[in-house]
Amino acid sequence: MSRRFVGAGRVVRRRLLVAVPILVLTSIGMFALGAASPIDPAKQYAGSAAFTANPDVLAQIRANWGVDDPLPVQYFRWIGNLLRGDLGWSTSRHEPVASVIAARAGWTLLLVSLALAIVLLASLLLGALAAYRRNGIFDRALRAAAYAIESMPVFWIGLASIAVFALALGWLPAGGLTDITASGTGFGDVAHHLVLPVLVLAVSQAPWFVLFVRDGVADSLRDDHVLAARARGLPGRTVLFGHALRTALLPFITLIGTHLPELVGGAILVETVFSLPGLGGVTVQAALGSDFPLLAAITLLTTAAVLTANLATDLAYAAADPRIRLDA
C-alpha cells in the first residue's frame, strides 16, 4: 500500500512538471492575443463617454494601467498580480474578475456535475443493454439515435428543447435560474429551472459514452472469463453487470478525463442558451466586449481544471487496476 502512495506522489510530480509549462504557454498565448487587439483599453473602460472625454484623461488611464509599457513588462506585472490573487478588472462587468468568477463558477460546476452524473449512469445502463442484445432492435435504435445526436450542435438541441418543452408544452421554464417573481434562490425553484439545461447538456454528450460502453461491453462478452461465467449457468444480469461491464469500465475511466473539455465547452453554450448565471454567459459577453482580463482568467481556470481532471483520471485508472504501475 505504501508503494502505491509513493507511486501516486511521483505521478503527481510528473504531471505538475507538464502542467506548469502548459499553463505558462496558455498565459503567454492569451496575453499575446490581448496585446494584439486593436481596442484601446482606456476607451473601452470609458464606454460611450470616450467620444467626449479629454484625451489627457484617457492618457492618464492608460498610464495608470501601464498599457503603454513594453510587452514583457506588462506580462510579468500581470503574472505577478495573478500569483497574488489579483485577476484584474473586468471591463465588461465593471467589477473585479475574481468577484465575477466566484459568483458564477459554482453554478457552472453544478451544471457540469449533474450532467456528467446522468451521462455516466445512462451510458453504463444503455450501453450494456445494447451490447447484451447486440444487433437487436434496441441496439440498432440506440446507435441510430446516438449517431443522430452526435451530428446536432448543442445549442440547436437547447433551442429545440425550449421550443418543445417550454413553449409548446409548457412543462419546464425556458431559461433563467428562478422565476421572475422569486425573491431568492430556493431549492425547488432552482431545481425546476435546471432540469432542461442539465438534460440538454447530458443528451448532447451522451452518444460518445453510450457507444464507447456498448463496444467495450460487446468485446468483454467474448472474453474467456465471461464465457466461463455463462457456462456455469449464472443469470444473464450477473454476467452482464458483474463480469462484462466491470471489464469494460477501465477504458471508460480514461474517456471521462479526455472528454471533459468537450463537456465544459458544451456547458458554456447551454448556459448562454438558457440564460443561466454561470461562466458561460460572461465568457460570451467578455469575448464580444474584448474583456481580456476576464477571458484570460476563465481560460487559465478551465485549463487548470482539465489538467486536474486528467491527473485524477490517471490515479483512478491505477486504483481500479492494480496491474498499472504508478512508479513506472
C-alpha atoms as a PDB file:
ATOM      1  CA  MET A   1       0.000   0.000   0.000  1.00  0.00           C
ATOM      2  CA  SER A   2       2.819   2.412   0.875  1.00  0.00           C
ATOM      3  CA  ARG A   3       4.387   1.784  -2.525  1.00  0.00           C
ATOM      4  CA  ARG A   4       1.099   2.778  -4.153  1.00  0.00           C
ATOM      5  CA  PHE A   5       1.109   6.101  -2.285  1.00  0.00           C
ATOM      6  CA  VAL A   6       4.731   6.735  -3.254  1.00  0.00           C
ATOM      7  CA  GLY A   7       3.898   5.954  -6.866  1.00  0.00           C
ATOM      8  CA  ALA A   8       0.898   8.287  -6.749  1.00  0.00           C
ATOM      9  CA  GLY A   9       3.153  11.056  -5.436  1.00  0.00           C
ATOM     10  CA  ARG A  10       5.535  10.522  -8.327  1.00  0.00           C
ATOM     11  CA  VAL A  11       2.667  10.708 -10.815  1.00  0.00           C
ATOM     12  CA  VAL A  12       1.515  13.994  -9.275  1.00  0.00           C
ATOM     13  CA  ARG A  13       5.017  15.442  -9.510  1.00  0.00           C
ATOM     14  CA  ARG A  14       5.389  14.344 -13.144  1.00  0.00           C
ATOM     15  CA  ARG A  15       2.024  15.832 -14.053  1.00  0.00           C
ATOM     16  CA  LEU A  16       2.959  19.100 -12.362  1.00  0.00           C
ATOM     17  CA  LEU A  17       6.136  19.239 -14.429  1.00  0.00           C
ATOM     18  CA  VAL A  18       3.914  19.069 -17.502  1.00  0.00           C
ATOM     19  CA  ALA A  19       1.084  21.248 -16.197  1.00  0.00           C
ATOM     20  CA  VAL A  20       3.226  24.254 -15.279  1.00  0.00           C
ATOM     21  CA  PRO A  21       4.664  24.759 -18.806  1.00  0.00           C
ATOM     22  CA  ILE A  22       1.179  24.294 -20.290  1.00  0.00           C
ATOM     23  CA  LEU A  23      -0.262  26.968 -18.016  1.00  0.00           C
ATOM     24  CA  VAL A  24       2.645  29.298 -18.795  1.00  0.00           C
ATOM     25  CA  LEU A  25       2.229  28.826 -22.547  1.00  0.00           C
ATOM     26  CA  THR A  26      -1.521  29.340 -22.225  1.00  0.00           C
ATOM     27  CA  SER A  27      -0.973  32.568 -20.310  1.00  0.00           C
ATOM     28  CA  ILE A  28       1.521  33.792 -22.917  1.00  0.00           C
ATOM     29  CA  GLY A  29      -0.917  32.980 -25.722  1.00  0.00           C
ATOM     30  CA  MET A  30      -3.790  34.781 -24.006  1.00  0.00           C
ATOM     31  CA  PHE A  31      -1.605  37.800 -23.247  1.00  0.00           C
ATOM     32  CA  ALA A  32      -0.354  37.932 -26.846  1.00  0.00           C
ATOM     33  CA  LEU A  33      -3.916  37.873 -28.161  1.00  0.00           C
ATOM     34  CA  GLY A  34      -4.892  40.648 -25.788  1.00  0.00           C
ATOM     35  CA  ALA A  35      -1.871  42.749 -26.761  1.00  0.00           C
ATOM     36  CA  ALA A  36      -2.647  42.291 -30.467  1.00  0.00           C
ATOM     37  CA  SER A  37      -6.189  43.615 -30.031  1.00  0.00           C
ATOM     38  CA  PRO A  38      -6.741  47.000 -31.723  1.00  0.00           C
ATOM     39  CA  ILE A  39      -9.156  48.074 -28.983  1.00  0.00           C
ATOM     40  CA  ASP A  40      -7.904  50.772 -26.616  1.00  0.00           C
ATOM     41  CA  PRO A  41      -8.497  49.550 -23.034  1.00  0.00           C
ATOM     42  CA  ALA A  42      -8.948  53.116 -21.791  1.00  0.00           C
ATOM     43  CA  LYS A  43     -11.675  53.875 -24.366  1.00  0.00           C
ATOM     44  CA  GLN A  44     -13.289  50.522 -23.672  1.00  0.00           C
ATOM     45  CA  TYR A  45     -13.354  51.286 -19.957  1.00  0.00           C
ATOM     46  CA  ALA A  46     -14.827  54.758 -20.564  1.00  0.00           C
ATOM     47  CA  GLY A  47     -17.542  53.363 -22.835  1.00  0.00           C
ATOM     48  CA  SER A  48     -19.635  55.928 -24.674  1.00  0.00           C
ATOM     49  CA  ALA A  49     -18.016  58.685 -22.611  1.00  0.00           C
ATOM     50  CA  ALA A  50     -14.788  58.062 -24.528  1.00  0.00           C
ATOM     51  CA  PHE A  51     -16.139  60.019 -27.502  1.00  0.00           C
ATOM     52  CA  THR A  52     -16.313  63.219 -25.459  1.00  0.00           C
ATOM     53  CA  ALA A  53     -13.586  62.513 -22.897  1.00  0.00           C
ATOM     54  CA  ASN A  54     -10.499  64.672 -22.647  1.00  0.00           C
ATOM     55  CA  PRO A  55      -7.523  62.919 -24.323  1.00  0.00           C
ATOM     56  CA  ASP A  56      -5.446  63.718 -21.255  1.00  0.00           C
ATOM     57  CA  VAL A  57      -7.882  61.727 -19.104  1.00  0.00           C
ATOM     58  CA  LEU A  58      -7.640  58.719 -21.414  1.00  0.00           C
ATOM     59  CA  ALA A  59      -3.859  59.021 -21.405  1.00  0.00           C
ATOM     60  CA  GLN A  60      -3.869  59.093 -17.613  1.00  0.00           C
ATOM     61  CA  ILE A  61      -5.981  55.901 -17.538  1.00  0.00           C
ATOM     62  CA  ARG A  62      -3.512  54.179 -19.861  1.00  0.00           C
ATOM     63  CA  ALA A  63      -0.635  55.357 -17.692  1.00  0.00           C
ATOM     64  CA  ASN A  64      -2.320  54.083 -14.529  1.00  0.00           C
ATOM     65  CA  TRP A  65      -2.846  50.681 -16.129  1.00  0.00           C
ATOM     66  CA  GLY A  66       0.585  50.606 -17.739  1.00  0.00           C
ATOM     67  CA  VAL A  67      -0.783  49.632 -21.158  1.00  0.00           C
ATOM     68  CA  ASP A  68       1.898  51.680 -22.909  1.00  0.00           C
ATOM     69  CA  ASP A  69       4.746  49.854 -21.158  1.00  0.00           C
ATOM     70  CA  PRO A  70       6.821  47.270 -23.091  1.00  0.00           C
ATOM     71  CA  LEU A  71       5.006  43.956 -23.505  1.00  0.00           C
ATOM     72  CA  PRO A  72       7.434  41.920 -21.336  1.00  0.00           C
ATOM     73  CA  VAL A  73       6.936  44.410 -18.505  1.00  0.00           C
ATOM     74  CA  GLN A  74       3.169  44.209 -18.854  1.00  0.00           C
ATOM     75  CA  TYR A  75       3.233  40.382 -18.958  1.00  0.00           C
ATOM     76  CA  PHE A  76       5.336  39.897 -15.834  1.00  0.00           C
ATOM     77  CA  ARG A  77       3.289  42.519 -13.980  1.00  0.00           C
ATOM     78  CA  TRP A  78       0.139  40.624 -14.973  1.00  0.00           C
ATOM     79  CA  ILE A  79       1.650  37.298 -13.853  1.00  0.00           C
ATOM     80  CA  GLY A  80       2.715  38.843 -10.555  1.00  0.00           C
ATOM     81  CA  ASN A  81      -0.812  40.101  -9.959  1.00  0.00           C
ATOM     82  CA  LEU A  82      -2.203  36.640 -10.778  1.00  0.00           C
ATOM     83  CA  LEU A  83       0.095  34.989  -8.252  1.00  0.00           C
ATOM     84  CA  ARG A  84      -1.107  37.450  -5.614  1.00  0.00           C
ATOM     85  CA  GLY A  85      -4.730  36.629  -6.410  1.00  0.00           C
ATOM     86  CA  ASP A  86      -5.410  39.872  -8.280  1.00  0.00           C
ATOM     87  CA  LEU A  87      -7.087  38.743 -11.522  1.00  0.00           C
ATOM     88  CA  GLY A  88      -7.675  42.270 -12.749  1.00  0.00           C
ATOM     89  CA  TRP A  89     -10.739  44.353 -13.519  1.00  0.00           C
ATOM     90  CA  SER A  90     -13.488  43.170 -15.844  1.00  0.00           C
ATOM     91  CA  THR A  91     -14.244  45.911 -18.344  1.00  0.00           C
ATOM     92  CA  SER A  92     -17.446  44.217 -19.491  1.00  0.00           C
ATOM     93  CA  ARG A  93     -18.861  43.591 -16.000  1.00  0.00           C
ATOM     94  CA  HIS A  94     -17.279  46.641 -14.288  1.00  0.00           C
ATOM     95  CA  GLU A  95     -16.218  44.650 -11.238  1.00  0.00           C
ATOM     96  CA  PRO A  96     -13.170  42.616 -10.172  1.00  0.00           C
ATOM     97  CA  VAL A  97     -12.618  39.461 -12.206  1.00  0.00           C
ATOM     98  CA  ALA A  98     -12.277  37.422  -9.029  1.00  0.00           C
ATOM     99  CA  SER A  99     -15.762  38.527  -7.938  1.00  0.00           C
ATOM    100  CA  VAL A 100     -17.249  37.583 -11.321  1.00  0.00           C
ATOM    101  CA  ILE A 101     -15.733  34.094 -11.229  1.00  0.00           C
ATOM    102  CA  ALA A 102     -16.535  33.497  -7.553  1.00  0.00           C
ATOM    103  CA  ALA A 103     -20.208  34.382  -8.093  1.00  0.00           C
ATOM    104  CA  ARG A 104     -20.671  32.191 -11.180  1.00  0.00           C
ATOM    105  CA  ALA A 105     -18.234  29.277 -11.114  1.00  0.00           C
ATOM    106  CA  GLY A 106     -20.391  27.340  -8.640  1.00  0.00           C
ATOM    107  CA  TRP A 107     -23.380  27.286 -10.985  1.00  0.00           C
ATOM    108  CA  THR A 108     -21.264  26.060 -13.877  1.00  0.00           C
ATOM    109  CA  LEU A 109     -19.756  23.349 -11.684  1.00  0.00           C
ATOM    110  CA  LEU A 110     -23.252  22.287 -10.598  1.00  0.00           C
ATOM    111  CA  LEU A 111     -24.470  22.085 -14.203  1.00  0.00           C
ATOM    112  CA  VAL A 112     -21.439  20.076 -15.348  1.00  0.00           C
ATOM    113  CA  SER A 113     -21.567  17.728 -12.343  1.00  0.00           C
ATOM    114  CA  LEU A 114     -25.270  16.917 -12.701  1.00  0.00           C
ATOM    115  CA  ALA A 115     -24.988  16.398 -16.458  1.00  0.00           C
ATOM    116  CA  LEU A 116     -21.910  14.188 -16.066  1.00  0.00           C
ATOM    117  CA  ALA A 117     -23.635  12.047 -13.423  1.00  0.00           C
ATOM    118  CA  ILE A 118     -26.633  11.495 -15.722  1.00  0.00           C
ATOM    119  CA  VAL A 119     -24.365  10.719 -18.689  1.00  0.00           C
ATOM    120  CA  LEU A 120     -22.372   8.140 -16.730  1.00  0.00           C
ATOM    121  CA  LEU A 121     -25.386   6.329 -15.311  1.00  0.00           C
ATOM    122  CA  ALA A 122     -27.357   6.364 -18.564  1.00  0.00           C
ATOM    123  CA  SER A 123     -24.433   5.339 -20.757  1.00  0.00           C
ATOM    124  CA  LEU A 124     -23.451   2.437 -18.497  1.00  0.00           C
ATOM    125  CA  LEU A 125     -27.009   1.098 -18.418  1.00  0.00           C
ATOM    126  CA  LEU A 126     -27.991   1.704 -22.059  1.00  0.00           C
ATOM    127  CA  GLY A 127     -24.607   0.728 -23.479  1.00  0.00           C
ATOM    128  CA  ALA A 128     -24.511  -2.527 -21.536  1.00  0.00           C
ATOM    129  CA  LEU A 129     -28.057  -3.478 -22.536  1.00  0.00           C
ATOM    130  CA  ALA A 130     -27.361  -2.694 -26.191  1.00  0.00           C
ATOM    131  CA  ALA A 131     -24.206  -4.837 -26.116  1.00  0.00           C
ATOM    132  CA  TYR A 132     -26.054  -7.724 -24.474  1.00  0.00           C
ATOM    133  CA  ARG A 133     -28.628  -7.683 -27.305  1.00  0.00           C
ATOM    134  CA  ARG A 134     -26.116  -6.820 -29.993  1.00  0.00           C
ATOM    135  CA  ASN A 135     -27.635  -6.104 -33.429  1.00  0.00           C
ATOM    136  CA  GLY A 136     -31.119  -6.358 -31.959  1.00  0.00           C
ATOM    137  CA  ILE A 137     -33.867  -3.774 -32.296  1.00  0.00           C
ATOM    138  CA  PHE A 138     -32.834  -1.880 -29.149  1.00  0.00           C
ATOM    139  CA  ASP A 139     -29.170  -1.871 -30.190  1.00  0.00           C
ATOM    140  CA  ARG A 140     -29.950  -0.579 -33.682  1.00  0.00           C
ATOM    141  CA  ALA A 141     -32.313   2.106 -32.391  1.00  0.00           C
ATOM    142  CA  LEU A 142     -29.827   3.248 -29.753  1.00  0.00           C
ATOM    143  CA  ARG A 143     -26.969   3.509 -32.230  1.00  0.00           C
ATOM    144  CA  ALA A 144     -29.140   5.390 -34.734  1.00  0.00           C
ATOM    145  CA  ALA A 145     -30.186   7.861 -32.039  1.00  0.00           C
ATOM    146  CA  ALA A 146     -26.585   8.279 -30.858  1.00  0.00           C
ATOM    147  CA  TYR A 147     -25.301   9.000 -34.352  1.00  0.00           C
ATOM    148  CA  ALA A 148     -28.131  11.451 -34.960  1.00  0.00           C
ATOM    149  CA  ILE A 149     -27.478  13.355 -31.711  1.00  0.00           C
ATOM    150  CA  GLU A 150     -23.740  13.445 -32.447  1.00  0.00           C
ATOM    151  CA  SER A 151     -24.487  15.488 -35.580  1.00  0.00           C
ATOM    152  CA  MET A 152     -26.577  18.066 -33.702  1.00  0.00           C
ATOM    153  CA  PRO A 153     -24.893  21.150 -32.190  1.00  0.00           C
ATOM    154  CA  VAL A 154     -25.608  21.501 -28.506  1.00  0.00           C
ATOM    155  CA  PHE A 155     -27.103  24.976 -28.940  1.00  0.00           C
ATOM    156  CA  TRP A 156     -29.559  23.576 -31.521  1.00  0.00           C
ATOM    157  CA  ILE A 157     -30.617  20.851 -29.083  1.00  0.00           C
ATOM    158  CA  GLY A 158     -31.132  23.548 -26.459  1.00  0.00           C
ATOM    159  CA  LEU A 159     -33.248  25.751 -28.727  1.00  0.00           C
ATOM    160  CA  ALA A 160     -35.297  22.755 -29.911  1.00  0.00           C
ATOM    161  CA  SER A 161     -35.941  21.637 -26.331  1.00  0.00           C
ATOM    162  CA  ILE A 162     -37.091  25.155 -25.385  1.00  0.00           C
ATOM    163  CA  ALA A 163     -39.459  25.214 -28.361  1.00  0.00           C
ATOM    164  CA  VAL A 164     -40.968  21.845 -27.439  1.00  0.00           C
ATOM    165  CA  PHE A 165     -40.922  21.538 -23.648  1.00  0.00           C
ATOM    166  CA  ALA A 166     -41.150  25.212 -22.640  1.00  0.00           C
ATOM    167  CA  LEU A 167     -43.109  26.993 -25.378  1.00  0.00           C
ATOM    168  CA  ALA A 168     -45.273  24.256 -26.909  1.00  0.00           C
ATOM    169  CA  LEU A 169     -45.960  22.028 -23.896  1.00  0.00           C
ATOM    170  CA  GLY A 170     -45.241  24.471 -21.077  1.00  0.00           C
ATOM    171  CA  TRP A 171     -43.767  21.765 -18.880  1.00  0.00           C
ATOM    172  CA  LEU A 172     -40.493  23.474 -17.996  1.00  0.00           C
ATOM    173  CA  PRO A 173     -39.119  27.046 -17.837  1.00  0.00           C
ATOM    174  CA  ALA A 174     -37.441  28.419 -20.951  1.00  0.00           C
ATOM    175  CA  GLY A 175     -34.476  29.866 -19.109  1.00  0.00           C
ATOM    176  CA  GLY A 176     -33.109  31.592 -16.066  1.00  0.00           C
ATOM    177  CA  LEU A 177     -32.369  30.181 -12.651  1.00  0.00           C
ATOM    178  CA  THR A 178     -35.528  31.305 -10.835  1.00  0.00           C
ATOM    179  CA  ASP A 179     -38.945  32.727 -11.627  1.00  0.00           C
ATOM    180  CA  ILE A 180     -39.188  36.456 -12.227  1.00  0.00           C
ATOM    181  CA  THR A 181     -41.253  36.935  -9.079  1.00  0.00           C
ATOM    182  CA  ALA A 182     -38.877  34.913  -6.882  1.00  0.00           C
ATOM    183  CA  SER A 183     -37.166  36.807  -4.080  1.00  0.00           C
ATOM    184  CA  GLY A 184     -34.335  34.280  -3.673  1.00  0.00           C
ATOM    185  CA  THR A 185     -32.828  31.066  -4.983  1.00  0.00           C
ATOM    186  CA  GLY A 186     -34.961  28.377  -3.395  1.00  0.00           C
ATOM    187  CA  PHE A 187     -34.012  24.740  -3.923  1.00  0.00           C
ATOM    188  CA  GLY A 188     -37.259  23.750  -5.634  1.00  0.00           C
ATOM    189  CA  ASP A 189     -37.274  26.740  -7.958  1.00  0.00           C
ATOM    190  CA  VAL A 190     -33.630  26.249  -8.951  1.00  0.00           C
ATOM    191  CA  ALA A 191     -34.104  22.507  -9.476  1.00  0.00           C
ATOM    192  CA  HIS A 192     -37.140  23.152 -11.675  1.00  0.00           C
ATOM    193  CA  HIS A 193     -35.192  25.581 -13.852  1.00  0.00           C
ATOM    194  CA  LEU A 194     -32.143  23.318 -14.111  1.00  0.00           C
ATOM    195  CA  VAL A 195     -33.991  20.241 -15.380  1.00  0.00           C
ATOM    196  CA  LEU A 196     -33.985  21.254 -19.033  1.00  0.00           C
ATOM    197  CA  PRO A 197     -30.400  22.662 -19.207  1.00  0.00           C
ATOM    198  CA  VAL A 198     -28.974  19.624 -17.412  1.00  0.00           C
ATOM    199  CA  LEU A 199     -30.816  17.187 -19.671  1.00  0.00           C
ATOM    200  CA  VAL A 200     -29.795  19.091 -22.815  1.00  0.00           C
ATOM    201  CA  LEU A 201     -26.128  19.041 -21.811  1.00  0.00           C
ATOM    202  CA  ALA A 202     -26.340  15.369 -20.827  1.00  0.00           C
ATOM    203  CA  VAL A 203     -28.060  14.334 -24.053  1.00  0.00           C
ATOM    204  CA  SER A 204     -25.559  16.262 -26.174  1.00  0.00           C
ATOM    205  CA  GLN A 205     -22.606  14.497 -24.525  1.00  0.00           C
ATOM    206  CA  ALA A 206     -24.128  11.023 -24.074  1.00  0.00           C
ATOM    207  CA  PRO A 207     -23.545   9.496 -27.564  1.00  0.00           C
ATOM    208  CA  TRP A 208     -19.765   9.161 -27.175  1.00  0.00           C
ATOM    209  CA  PHE A 209     -20.123   7.457 -23.797  1.00  0.00           C
ATOM    210  CA  VAL A 210     -23.000   5.198 -24.841  1.00  0.00           C
ATOM    211  CA  LEU A 211     -21.235   3.958 -27.971  1.00  0.00           C
ATOM    212  CA  PHE A 212     -17.976   3.505 -26.068  1.00  0.00           C
ATOM    213  CA  VAL A 213     -19.638   1.388 -23.386  1.00  0.00           C
ATOM    214  CA  ARG A 214     -21.585  -0.580 -25.952  1.00  0.00           C
ATOM    215  CA  ASP A 215     -18.453  -1.514 -27.912  1.00  0.00           C
ATOM    216  CA  GLY A 216     -16.444  -2.233 -24.753  1.00  0.00           C
ATOM    217  CA  VAL A 217     -19.070  -4.493 -23.217  1.00  0.00           C
ATOM    218  CA  ALA A 218     -19.646  -6.273 -26.543  1.00  0.00           C
ATOM    219  CA  ASP A 219     -15.939  -7.129 -26.659  1.00  0.00           C
ATOM    220  CA  SER A 220     -15.944  -8.180 -22.995  1.00  0.00           C
ATOM    221  CA  LEU A 221     -18.822 -10.592 -23.572  1.00  0.00           C
ATOM    222  CA  ARG A 222     -16.467 -12.626 -25.759  1.00  0.00           C
ATOM    223  CA  ASP A 223     -13.714 -12.830 -23.118  1.00  0.00           C
ATOM    224  CA  ASP A 224     -12.906 -16.214 -21.615  1.00  0.00           C
ATOM    225  CA  HIS A 225     -13.910 -15.368 -18.061  1.00  0.00           C
ATOM    226  CA  VAL A 226     -17.298 -14.061 -19.237  1.00  0.00           C
ATOM    227  CA  LEU A 227     -17.895 -17.166 -21.352  1.00  0.00           C
ATOM    228  CA  ALA A 228     -16.947 -19.282 -18.359  1.00  0.00           C
ATOM    229  CA  ALA A 229     -19.463 -17.416 -16.199  1.00  0.00           C
ATOM    230  CA  ARG A 230     -22.151 -18.155 -18.747  1.00  0.00           C
ATOM    231  CA  ALA A 231     -21.126 -21.814 -18.879  1.00  0.00           C
ATOM    232  CA  ARG A 232     -21.553 -22.050 -15.098  1.00  0.00           C
ATOM    233  CA  GLY A 233     -25.189 -21.070 -15.569  1.00  0.00           C
ATOM    234  CA  LEU A 234     -25.031 -17.643 -13.936  1.00  0.00           C
ATOM    235  CA  PRO A 235     -28.013 -15.363 -14.629  1.00  0.00           C
ATOM    236  CA  GLY A 236     -27.663 -13.030 -17.611  1.00  0.00           C
ATOM    237  CA  ARG A 237     -27.866  -9.957 -15.377  1.00  0.00           C
ATOM    238  CA  THR A 238     -24.954 -11.204 -13.280  1.00  0.00           C
ATOM    239  CA  VAL A 239     -22.873 -12.000 -16.356  1.00  0.00           C
ATOM    240  CA  LEU A 240     -23.591  -8.606 -17.910  1.00  0.00           C
ATOM    241  CA  PHE A 241     -23.163  -6.266 -14.948  1.00  0.00           C
ATOM    242  CA  GLY A 242     -20.970  -8.387 -12.690  1.00  0.00           C
ATOM    243  CA  HIS A 243     -18.410  -9.564 -15.249  1.00  0.00           C
ATOM    244  CA  ALA A 244     -18.588  -7.949 -18.713  1.00  0.00           C
ATOM    245  CA  LEU A 245     -19.319  -4.391 -17.584  1.00  0.00           C
ATOM    246  CA  ARG A 246     -16.601  -4.434 -14.905  1.00  0.00           C
ATOM    247  CA  THR A 247     -14.013  -5.345 -17.528  1.00  0.00           C
ATOM    248  CA  ALA A 248     -15.149  -2.522 -19.830  1.00  0.00           C
ATOM    249  CA  LEU A 249     -15.017   0.116 -17.088  1.00  0.00           C
ATOM    250  CA  LEU A 250     -11.248   0.665 -17.175  1.00  0.00           C
ATOM    251  CA  PRO A 251     -11.079   2.363 -20.606  1.00  0.00           C
ATOM    252  CA  PHE A 252     -14.302   4.180 -19.693  1.00  0.00           C
ATOM    253  CA  ILE A 253     -12.467   5.973 -16.879  1.00  0.00           C
ATOM    254  CA  THR A 254      -9.974   7.372 -19.391  1.00  0.00           C
ATOM    255  CA  LEU A 255     -12.797   8.598 -21.624  1.00  0.00           C
ATOM    256  CA  ILE A 256     -14.223  10.678 -18.785  1.00  0.00           C
ATOM    257  CA  GLY A 257     -10.985  12.619 -18.370  1.00  0.00           C
ATOM    258  CA  THR A 258     -10.336  13.171 -22.063  1.00  0.00           C
ATOM    259  CA  HIS A 259     -13.917  14.278 -22.736  1.00  0.00           C
ATOM    260  CA  LEU A 260     -14.024  16.921 -20.003  1.00  0.00           C
ATOM    261  CA  PRO A 261     -13.050  19.853 -22.304  1.00  0.00           C
ATOM    262  CA  GLU A 262     -15.955  18.952 -24.597  1.00  0.00           C
ATOM    263  CA  LEU A 263     -18.273  18.893 -21.589  1.00  0.00           C
ATOM    264  CA  VAL A 264     -17.095  22.308 -20.372  1.00  0.00           C
ATOM    265  CA  GLY A 265     -17.481  23.790 -23.862  1.00  0.00           C
ATOM    266  CA  GLY A 266     -20.992  22.405 -24.077  1.00  0.00           C
ATOM    267  CA  ALA A 267     -21.825  23.861 -20.665  1.00  0.00           C
ATOM    268  CA  ILE A 268     -20.817  27.342 -21.852  1.00  0.00           C
ATOM    269  CA  LEU A 269     -23.205  27.097 -24.812  1.00  0.00           C
ATOM    270  CA  VAL A 270     -26.030  25.666 -22.697  1.00  0.00           C
ATOM    271  CA  GLU A 271     -25.670  28.435 -20.123  1.00  0.00           C
ATOM    272  CA  THR A 272     -25.820  31.009 -22.897  1.00  0.00           C
ATOM    273  CA  VAL A 273     -28.944  29.493 -24.479  1.00  0.00           C
ATOM    274  CA  PHE A 274     -30.773  29.191 -21.149  1.00  0.00           C
ATOM    275  CA  SER A 275     -29.503  32.491 -19.690  1.00  0.00           C
ATOM    276  CA  LEU A 276     -28.018  30.800 -16.645  1.00  0.00           C
ATOM    277  CA  PRO A 277     -25.786  32.851 -14.306  1.00  0.00           C
ATOM    278  CA  GLY A 278     -22.711  30.683 -14.857  1.00  0.00           C
ATOM    279  CA  LEU A 279     -19.386  31.310 -16.528  1.00  0.00           C
ATOM    280  CA  GLY A 280     -20.850  30.665 -19.981  1.00  0.00           C
ATOM    281  CA  GLY A 281     -22.778  33.907 -20.283  1.00  0.00           C
ATOM    282  CA  VAL A 282     -19.957  36.099 -19.006  1.00  0.00           C
ATOM    283  CA  THR A 283     -17.474  34.290 -21.273  1.00  0.00           C
ATOM    284  CA  VAL A 284     -19.518  35.163 -24.341  1.00  0.00           C
ATOM    285  CA  GLN A 285     -20.010  38.699 -23.048  1.00  0.00           C
ATOM    286  CA  ALA A 286     -16.274  39.036 -22.415  1.00  0.00           C
ATOM    287  CA  ALA A 287     -15.449  37.754 -25.909  1.00  0.00           C
ATOM    288  CA  LEU A 288     -17.869  40.154 -27.579  1.00  0.00           C
ATOM    289  CA  GLY A 289     -16.597  43.034 -25.458  1.00  0.00           C
ATOM    290  CA  SER A 290     -12.880  42.132 -25.746  1.00  0.00           C
ATOM    291  CA  ASP A 291     -12.666  41.842 -21.965  1.00  0.00           C
ATOM    292  CA  PHE A 292      -9.132  40.410 -21.841  1.00  0.00           C
ATOM    293  CA  PRO A 293      -8.722  40.105 -18.038  1.00  0.00           C
ATOM    294  CA  LEU A 294     -11.919  38.060 -17.689  1.00  0.00           C
ATOM    295  CA  LEU A 295     -11.233  35.912 -20.757  1.00  0.00           C
ATOM    296  CA  ALA A 296      -7.684  35.178 -19.631  1.00  0.00           C
ATOM    297  CA  ALA A 297      -8.750  34.228 -16.107  1.00  0.00           C
ATOM    298  CA  ILE A 298     -11.530  31.905 -17.324  1.00  0.00           C
ATOM    299  CA  THR A 299      -9.196  30.290 -19.874  1.00  0.00           C
ATOM    300  CA  LEU A 300      -6.495  29.637 -17.285  1.00  0.00           C
ATOM    301  CA  LEU A 301      -9.062  28.349 -14.799  1.00  0.00           C
ATOM    302  CA  THR A 302     -10.528  25.965 -17.387  1.00  0.00           C
ATOM    303  CA  THR A 303      -7.078  24.756 -18.412  1.00  0.00           C
ATOM    304  CA  ALA A 304      -6.148  24.063 -14.795  1.00  0.00           C
ATOM    305  CA  ALA A 305      -9.442  22.190 -14.267  1.00  0.00           C
ATOM    306  CA  VAL A 306      -8.822  19.985 -17.310  1.00  0.00           C
ATOM    307  CA  LEU A 307      -5.262  19.193 -16.199  1.00  0.00           C
ATOM    308  CA  THR A 308      -6.507  18.333 -12.713  1.00  0.00           C
ATOM    309  CA  ALA A 309      -9.187  16.062 -14.174  1.00  0.00           C
ATOM    310  CA  ASN A 310      -6.603  14.244 -16.295  1.00  0.00           C
ATOM    311  CA  LEU A 311      -4.470  13.683 -13.196  1.00  0.00           C
ATOM    312  CA  ALA A 312      -7.476  12.358 -11.288  1.00  0.00           C
ATOM    313  CA  THR A 313      -8.236  10.048 -14.233  1.00  0.00           C
ATOM    314  CA  ASP A 314      -4.719   8.588 -14.166  1.00  0.00           C
ATOM    315  CA  LEU A 315      -4.936   7.952 -10.424  1.00  0.00           C
ATOM    316  CA  ALA A 316      -8.437   6.463 -10.693  1.00  0.00           C
ATOM    317  CA  TYR A 317      -7.333   4.161 -13.524  1.00  0.00           C
ATOM    318  CA  ALA A 318      -4.413   2.907 -11.462  1.00  0.00           C
ATOM    319  CA  ALA A 319      -6.638   2.429  -8.407  1.00  0.00           C
ATOM    320  CA  ALA A 320      -9.156   0.419 -10.450  1.00  0.00           C
ATOM    321  CA  ASP A 321      -6.479  -1.822 -11.992  1.00  0.00           C
ATOM    322  CA  PRO A 322      -3.681  -2.854  -9.583  1.00  0.00           C
ATOM    323  CA  ARG A 323      -1.647  -4.089 -12.568  1.00  0.00           C
ATOM    324  CA  ILE A 324      -0.936  -0.461 -13.540  1.00  0.00           C
ATOM    325  CA  ARG A 325       2.383   0.651 -12.070  1.00  0.00           C
ATOM    326  CA  LEU A 326       2.279   4.279 -10.944  1.00  0.00           C
ATOM    327  CA  ASP A 327       6.016   4.443 -10.379  1.00  0.00           C
ATOM    328  CA  ALA A 328       6.919   3.180 -13.835  1.00  0.00           C
END
